[in-house]
Amino acid sequence: MKEEAKCLAVIRVRGVSDVFKEVKATLQMLHLTRNCHATLISNQPSYLGMLYKAHHYVTWGEISKEAIVLLLKARGKLIGNKEINDKYAQEIGYKSLDDLALAIYKLEVEYARLPNIKPMFRLHPPKKGFKRKLKRSFSNGGVTGYRGKTINELVKKMA
């Protein structure tokens, strides 16, 4: 049985020093060059392999439509450091920013391939900090790795 395609949010939670070359190249392909950068991808096997390779530096999970809208409105940027708004959504063929977010959520359009858009979100560190250890996986009481739907809480704390 084929797994259903889902939109994933990936957030880099560890810094830039002492990163292996392969992992650094993988993070650059995901557009996660600095700590607290985030991006939206699909759960294709090629992306999942990249996440597995960089799992000590990132956290990811299935993002909700509401969290995508929050990211686009609060942290989405166009080239030239301009904010994403309804006018931009109308220019590329959507009625509003909510319709664009729905298209991203349903994987009708890939976020990084939208015209004139920065492929990542520059987030703040989470309000009140990470409550867990950065060097452990989420399943072992840490921050990194797969976290499922709880990624939405982290996105809200960082947006």
C-alpha atoms as a PDB file:
ATOM      1  CA  MET A   1       0.000   0.000   0.000  1.00  0.00           C
ATOM      2  CA  LYS A   2       1.361   3.388  -0.984  1.00  0.00           C
ATOM      3  CA  GLU A   3       1.788   5.948   1.780  1.00  0.00           C
ATOM      4  CA  GLU A   4      -0.187   9.176   1.500  1.00  0.00           C
ATOM      5  CA  ALA A   5       1.803  12.288   0.543  1.00  0.00           C
ATOM      6  CA  LYS A   6       2.083  14.806   3.371  1.00  0.00           C
ATOM      7  CA  CYS A   7       3.649  18.201   3.856  1.00  0.00           C
ATOM      8  CA  LEU A   8       6.489  18.219   6.381  1.00  0.00           C
ATOM      9  CA  ALA A   9       8.010  21.142   8.244  1.00  0.00           C
ATOM     10  CA  VAL A  10      11.754  20.813   8.847  1.00  0.00           C
ATOM     11  CA  ILE A  11      13.501  23.052  11.385  1.00  0.00           C
ATOM     12  CA  ARG A  12      17.228  23.192  12.001  1.00  0.00           C
ATOM     13  CA  VAL A  13      17.787  23.190  15.769  1.00  0.00           C
ATOM     14  CA  ARG A  14      21.548  22.813  16.070  1.00  0.00           C
ATOM     15  CA  GLY A  15      24.295  25.185  15.003  1.00  0.00           C
ATOM     16  CA  VAL A  16      26.740  25.393  12.124  1.00  0.00           C
ATOM     17  CA  SER A  17      30.064  24.374  13.655  1.00  0.00           C
ATOM     18  CA  ASP A  18      31.576  20.885  13.503  1.00  0.00           C
ATOM     19  CA  VAL A  19      29.207  19.554  10.853  1.00  0.00           C
ATOM     20  CA  PHE A  20      30.380  16.734   8.561  1.00  0.00           C
ATOM     21  CA  LYS A  21      30.709  17.677   4.873  1.00  0.00           C
ATOM     22  CA  GLU A  22      27.976  15.273   3.734  1.00  0.00           C
ATOM     23  CA  VAL A  23      25.566  16.540   6.376  1.00  0.00           C
ATOM     24  CA  LYS A  24      26.434  20.166   5.579  1.00  0.00           C
ATOM     25  CA  ALA A  25      25.737  19.572   1.878  1.00  0.00           C
ATOM     26  CA  THR A  26      22.434  17.897   2.731  1.00  0.00           C
ATOM     27  CA  LEU A  27      21.394  20.810   4.935  1.00  0.00           C
ATOM     28  CA  GLN A  28      22.277  23.248   2.136  1.00  0.00           C
ATOM     29  CA  MET A  29      20.119  21.271  -0.311  1.00  0.00           C
ATOM     30  CA  LEU A  30      17.267  21.612   2.179  1.00  0.00           C
ATOM     31  CA  HIS A  31      18.019  25.378   2.445  1.00  0.00           C
ATOM     32  CA  LEU A  32      18.767  25.022   6.171  1.00  0.00           C
ATOM     33  CA  THR A  33      22.077  26.841   6.418  1.00  0.00           C
ATOM     34  CA  ARG A  34      21.655  28.281   9.913  1.00  0.00           C
ATOM     35  CA  ASN A  35      20.119  27.485  13.253  1.00  0.00           C
ATOM     36  CA  CYS A  36      16.349  28.271  13.516  1.00  0.00           C
ATOM     37  CA  HIS A  37      15.799  28.073   9.747  1.00  0.00           C
ATOM     38  CA  ALA A  38      12.762  26.122   8.562  1.00  0.00           C
ATOM     39  CA  THR A  39      11.431  24.841   5.258  1.00  0.00           C
ATOM     40  CA  LEU A  40       8.433  22.935   3.907  1.00  0.00           C
ATOM     41  CA  ILE A  41       8.920  19.691   1.956  1.00  0.00           C
ATOM     42  CA  SER A  42       6.935  16.602   0.980  1.00  0.00           C
ATOM     43  CA  ASN A  43       7.475  13.139   2.430  1.00  0.00           C
ATOM     44  CA  GLN A  44       9.013  11.690  -0.741  1.00  0.00           C
ATOM     45  CA  PRO A  45      11.635   8.983  -0.165  1.00  0.00           C
ATOM     46  CA  SER A  46      14.398  11.267  -1.470  1.00  0.00           C
ATOM     47  CA  TYR A  47      13.576  13.919   1.131  1.00  0.00           C
ATOM     48  CA  LEU A  48      13.199  11.323   3.884  1.00  0.00           C
ATOM     49  CA  GLY A  49      16.689  10.051   3.085  1.00  0.00           C
ATOM     50  CA  MET A  50      18.029  13.588   3.418  1.00  0.00           C
ATOM     51  CA  LEU A  51      16.267  13.969   6.759  1.00  0.00           C
ATOM     52  CA  TYR A  52      17.721  10.696   7.978  1.00  0.00           C
ATOM     53  CA  LYS A  53      21.218  11.859   7.028  1.00  0.00           C
ATOM     54  CA  ALA A  54      20.789  15.156   8.937  1.00  0.00           C
ATOM     55  CA  HIS A  55      18.614  13.863  11.789  1.00  0.00           C
ATOM     56  CA  HIS A  56      21.091  14.983  14.471  1.00  0.00           C
ATOM     57  CA  TYR A  57      20.675  18.626  13.395  1.00  0.00           C
ATOM     58  CA  VAL A  58      16.991  18.954  12.433  1.00  0.00           C
ATOM     59  CA  THR A  59      13.528  18.177  13.706  1.00  0.00           C
ATOM     60  CA  TRP A  60      10.517  17.519  11.486  1.00  0.00           C
ATOM     61  CA  GLY A  61       6.904  16.473  11.428  1.00  0.00           C
ATOM     62  CA  GLU A  62       3.552  16.808   9.646  1.00  0.00           C
ATOM     63  CA  ILE A  63       2.521  20.454   9.626  1.00  0.00           C
ATOM     64  CA  SER A  64      -1.077  21.676   9.738  1.00  0.00           C
ATOM     65  CA  LYS A  65      -2.649  24.148   7.306  1.00  0.00           C
ATOM     66  CA  GLU A  66      -3.020  26.721  10.119  1.00  0.00           C
ATOM     67  CA  ALA A  67       0.703  26.530  10.909  1.00  0.00           C
ATOM     68  CA  ILE A  68       1.543  27.021   7.215  1.00  0.00           C
ATOM     69  CA  VAL A  69      -0.641  30.150   7.137  1.00  0.00           C
ATOM     70  CA  LEU A  70       1.138  31.394  10.280  1.00  0.00           C
ATOM     71  CA  LEU A  71       4.558  30.790   8.727  1.00  0.00           C
ATOM     72  CA  LEU A  72       3.646  32.505   5.465  1.00  0.00           C
ATOM     73  CA  LYS A  73       2.163  35.578   7.157  1.00  0.00           C
ATOM     74  CA  ALA A  74       4.722  35.978   9.947  1.00  0.00           C
ATOM     75  CA  ARG A  75       7.956  34.734   8.389  1.00  0.00           C
ATOM     76  CA  GLY A  76       7.514  34.254   4.629  1.00  0.00           C
ATOM     77  CA  LYS A  77       9.738  36.513   2.523  1.00  0.00           C
ATOM     78  CA  LEU A  78      10.155  37.297  -1.146  1.00  0.00           C
ATOM     79  CA  ILE A  79      13.479  38.059  -2.777  1.00  0.00           C
ATOM     80  CA  GLY A  80      14.412  41.578  -1.713  1.00  0.00           C
ATOM     81  CA  ASN A  81      13.213  40.853   1.851  1.00  0.00           C
ATOM     82  CA  LYS A  82       9.609  41.780   1.037  1.00  0.00           C
ATOM     83  CA  GLU A  83       6.743  40.134   2.892  1.00  0.00           C
ATOM     84  CA  ILE A  84       4.408  37.609   1.299  1.00  0.00           C
ATOM     85  CA  ASN A  85       0.844  38.955   1.076  1.00  0.00           C
ATOM     86  CA  ASP A  86      -2.440  38.408  -0.747  1.00  0.00           C
ATOM     87  CA  LYS A  87      -1.219  40.497  -3.690  1.00  0.00           C
ATOM     88  CA  TYR A  88       1.669  38.068  -4.267  1.00  0.00           C
ATOM     89  CA  ALA A  89      -0.722  35.098  -4.034  1.00  0.00           C
ATOM     90  CA  GLN A  90      -2.970  36.701  -6.652  1.00  0.00           C
ATOM     91  CA  GLU A  91       0.010  37.341  -8.961  1.00  0.00           C
ATOM     92  CA  ILE A  92       0.862  33.633  -9.028  1.00  0.00           C
ATOM     93  CA  GLY A  93      -2.741  32.523  -9.525  1.00  0.00           C
ATOM     94  CA  TYR A  94      -4.322  32.048  -6.084  1.00  0.00           C
ATOM     95  CA  LYS A  95      -7.205  34.018  -4.580  1.00  0.00           C
ATOM     96  CA  SER A  96      -5.533  34.684  -1.242  1.00  0.00           C
ATOM     97  CA  LEU A  97      -2.688  33.651   1.026  1.00  0.00           C
ATOM     98  CA  ASP A  98      -4.985  31.055   2.615  1.00  0.00           C
ATOM     99  CA  ASP A  99      -5.523  29.412  -0.790  1.00  0.00           C
ATOM    100  CA  LEU A 100      -1.771  29.373  -1.379  1.00  0.00           C
ATOM    101  CA  ALA A 101      -1.258  27.768   2.042  1.00  0.00           C
ATOM    102  CA  LEU A 102      -3.879  25.137   1.198  1.00  0.00           C
ATOM    103  CA  ALA A 103      -2.110  24.360  -2.096  1.00  0.00           C
ATOM    104  CA  ILE A 104       1.198  23.968  -0.239  1.00  0.00           C
ATOM    105  CA  TYR A 105      -0.485  21.772   2.379  1.00  0.00           C
ATOM    106  CA  LYS A 106      -2.035  19.529  -0.291  1.00  0.00           C
ATOM    107  CA  LEU A 107       1.339  19.450  -2.134  1.00  0.00           C
ATOM    108  CA  GLU A 108      -0.168  20.910  -5.302  1.00  0.00           C
ATOM    109  CA  VAL A 109       2.780  23.300  -5.364  1.00  0.00           C
ATOM    110  CA  GLU A 110       6.237  22.957  -3.813  1.00  0.00           C
ATOM    111  CA  TYR A 111       7.059  25.894  -1.535  1.00  0.00           C
ATOM    112  CA  ALA A 112      10.713  26.224  -2.547  1.00  0.00           C
ATOM    113  CA  ARG A 113       9.773  26.340  -6.249  1.00  0.00           C
ATOM    114  CA  LEU A 114       7.393  29.284  -6.005  1.00  0.00           C
ATOM    115  CA  PRO A 115       8.602  32.265  -8.090  1.00  0.00           C
ATOM    116  CA  ASN A 116      10.595  35.026  -6.348  1.00  0.00           C
ATOM    117  CA  ILE A 117      10.305  33.415  -2.921  1.00  0.00           C
ATOM    118  CA  LYS A 118      12.988  32.695  -0.346  1.00  0.00           C
ATOM    119  CA  PRO A 119      12.902  28.903   0.090  1.00  0.00           C
ATOM    120  CA  MET A 120      13.238  28.990   3.871  1.00  0.00           C
ATOM    121  CA  PHE A 121      11.794  30.760   6.887  1.00  0.00           C
ATOM    122  CA  ARG A 122      14.047  32.579   9.355  1.00  0.00           C
ATOM    123  CA  LEU A 123      12.455  31.824  12.725  1.00  0.00           C
ATOM    124  CA  HIS A 124      13.095  33.121  16.225  1.00  0.00           C
ATOM    125  CA  PRO A 125      14.410  30.747  18.878  1.00  0.00           C
ATOM    126  CA  PRO A 126      11.418  29.178  20.656  1.00  0.00           C
ATOM    127  CA  LYS A 127       9.741  31.257  23.349  1.00  0.00           C
ATOM    128  CA  LYS A 128      10.815  29.940  26.764  1.00  0.00           C
ATOM    129  CA  GLY A 129      13.434  27.805  25.015  1.00  0.00           C
ATOM    130  CA  PHE A 130      13.622  24.143  24.139  1.00  0.00           C
ATOM    131  CA  LYS A 131      12.333  22.124  27.076  1.00  0.00           C
ATOM    132  CA  ARG A 132      14.446  19.126  26.148  1.00  0.00           C
ATOM    133  CA  LYS A 133      18.074  18.300  25.368  1.00  0.00           C
ATOM    134  CA  LEU A 134      19.391  19.293  21.928  1.00  0.00           C
ATOM    135  CA  LYS A 135      21.730  16.330  21.560  1.00  0.00           C
ATOM    136  CA  ARG A 136      19.048  13.665  21.978  1.00  0.00           C
ATOM    137  CA  SER A 137      16.347  12.521  19.614  1.00  0.00           C
ATOM    138  CA  PHE A 138      12.729  13.461  20.292  1.00  0.00           C
ATOM    139  CA  SER A 139      11.810   9.858  21.071  1.00  0.00           C
ATOM    140  CA  ASN A 140      14.550   9.736  23.731  1.00  0.00           C
ATOM    141  CA  GLY A 141      13.549  12.959  25.482  1.00  0.00           C
ATOM    142  CA  GLY A 142      15.373  15.408  23.222  1.00  0.00           C
ATOM    143  CA  VAL A 143      14.627  17.855  20.413  1.00  0.00           C
ATOM    144  CA  THR A 144      16.063  16.445  17.157  1.00  0.00           C
ATOM    145  CA  GLY A 145      14.478  13.912  14.827  1.00  0.00           C
ATOM    146  CA  TYR A 146      10.895  13.074  13.906  1.00  0.00           C
ATOM    147  CA  ARG A 147       8.222  14.567  16.172  1.00  0.00           C
ATOM    148  CA  GLY A 148       4.977  14.095  14.254  1.00  0.00           C
ATOM    149  CA  LYS A 149       2.152  16.584  14.798  1.00  0.00           C
ATOM    150  CA  THR A 150       3.902  18.279  17.752  1.00  0.00           C
ATOM    151  CA  ILE A 151       5.938  20.223  15.180  1.00  0.00           C
ATOM    152  CA  ASN A 152       2.963  22.616  15.025  1.00  0.00           C
ATOM    153  CA  GLU A 153       3.501  23.640  18.661  1.00  0.00           C
ATOM    154  CA  LEU A 154       7.180  24.308  18.000  1.00  0.00           C
ATOM    155  CA  VAL A 155       6.366  26.361  14.881  1.00  0.00           C
ATOM    156  CA  LYS A 156       3.931  28.506  16.894  1.00  0.00           C
ATOM    157  CA  LYS A 157       6.588  29.080  19.556  1.00  0.00           C
ATOM    158  CA  MET A 158       9.182  30.081  16.945  1.00  0.00           C
ATOM    159  CA  ALA A 159       7.115  32.180  14.480  1.00  0.00           C
END
